[in-house]
Amino acid sequence: MTHAGHRAYKKVDQRTVPVILVKNDDILENDCNLSVSSYVEQEDTREVINIAEINAKLETLVKEGNELNQKIEAIIKELEQQ
């Protein structure tokens, strides 16, 4: 449950942090819950991952791995014939 409030910034320990002022009525409507998460949404800081790019890299790595395996098998066959 996110309430619109007055947004501001405050300097705290050499950092500027966001603050929000919530109306008393909004707090009462929220059963006097003073939990910050009741009034402020967390910023999504997860890394954006490009799945298509990762799949392309994986395909290239699998192809290179298969080529290396073929070379290794050829070397082993050659050594066995000696």
Protein backbone atom coordinates (compact mmCIF):
# COMPACT_ATOMS: atom_id res chain seq x y z
CA MET A 1 0.00 0.00 0.00
CA THR A 2 1.71 3.16 -1.15
CA HIS A 3 0.45 6.58 -0.18
CA ALA A 4 1.22 9.79 -1.97
CA GLY A 5 3.06 12.12 0.34
CA HIS A 6 5.24 15.16 0.19
CA ARG A 7 8.63 14.11 -1.08
CA ALA A 8 11.77 15.86 0.08
CA TYR A 9 15.45 15.24 0.61
CA LYS A 10 17.41 15.59 3.82
CA LYS A 11 21.15 15.66 4.45
CA VAL A 12 22.14 12.86 6.83
CA ASP A 13 25.76 12.01 7.69
CA GLN A 14 27.17 13.57 4.50
CA ARG A 15 24.50 11.80 2.41
CA THR A 16 21.36 13.16 0.85
CA VAL A 17 18.53 10.71 1.46
CA PRO A 18 14.92 10.84 0.31
CA VAL A 19 12.26 11.46 2.92
CA ILE A 20 8.50 11.46 2.64
CA LEU A 21 5.97 13.31 4.76
CA VAL A 22 2.76 11.33 5.18
CA LYS A 23 -0.47 12.95 6.31
CA ASN A 24 -1.88 11.84 9.67
CA ASP A 25 -5.09 10.82 7.92
CA ASP A 26 -3.13 8.44 5.68
CA ILE A 27 -1.43 6.93 8.72
CA LEU A 28 -4.78 6.46 10.44
CA GLU A 29 -6.22 4.83 7.30
CA ASN A 30 -3.29 2.43 7.43
CA ASP A 31 -4.14 1.35 11.01
CA CYS A 32 -1.38 3.60 12.40
CA ASN A 33 1.25 1.40 10.78
CA LEU A 34 4.52 3.37 10.84
CA SER A 35 6.51 0.90 8.79
CA VAL A 36 8.43 2.76 6.09
CA SER A 37 7.59 0.07 3.54
CA SER A 38 3.91 0.90 3.98
CA TYR A 39 4.44 4.34 2.48
CA VAL A 40 7.54 4.12 0.26
CA GLU A 41 8.20 1.67 -2.57
CA GLN A 42 11.68 0.20 -2.75
CA GLU A 43 13.70 1.09 -5.82
CA ASP A 44 14.32 -1.89 -8.07
CA THR A 45 18.12 -2.09 -8.28
CA ARG A 46 18.33 -5.50 -9.93
CA GLU A 47 20.61 -5.77 -12.94
CA VAL A 48 18.79 -5.86 -16.27
CA ILE A 49 19.82 -9.00 -18.12
CA ASN A 50 19.57 -9.34 -21.89
CA ILE A 51 18.54 -12.99 -22.31
CA ALA A 52 18.98 -12.94 -26.10
CA GLU A 53 22.58 -11.74 -25.70
CA ILE A 54 23.34 -14.39 -23.08
CA ASN A 55 21.81 -17.13 -25.26
CA ALA A 56 23.93 -15.99 -28.21
CA LYS A 57 27.10 -16.11 -26.08
CA LEU A 58 26.12 -19.52 -24.75
CA GLU A 59 25.56 -20.81 -28.28
CA THR A 60 29.01 -19.56 -29.28
CA LEU A 61 30.63 -21.18 -26.23
CA VAL A 62 28.90 -24.51 -26.89
CA LYS A 63 30.05 -24.42 -30.52
CA GLU A 64 33.65 -23.65 -29.46
CA GLY A 65 33.46 -26.41 -26.84
CA ASN A 66 32.30 -28.91 -29.45
CA GLU A 67 35.13 -27.89 -31.80
CA LEU A 68 37.66 -28.33 -28.98
CA ASN A 69 36.22 -31.75 -28.11
CA GLN A 70 36.58 -32.84 -31.74
CA LYS A 71 40.22 -31.71 -31.77
CA ILE A 72 40.90 -33.55 -28.50
CA GLU A 73 39.27 -36.72 -29.85
CA ALA A 74 41.40 -36.47 -33.00
CA ILE A 75 44.57 -36.11 -30.90
CA ILE A 76 43.60 -39.11 -28.75
CA LYS A 77 42.92 -41.25 -31.85
CA GLU A 78 46.29 -40.22 -33.27
CA LEU A 79 48.07 -41.10 -30.03
CA GLU A 80 46.29 -44.47 -29.86
CA GLN A 81 47.49 -45.33 -33.36
CA GLN A 82 51.14 -44.79 -32.44
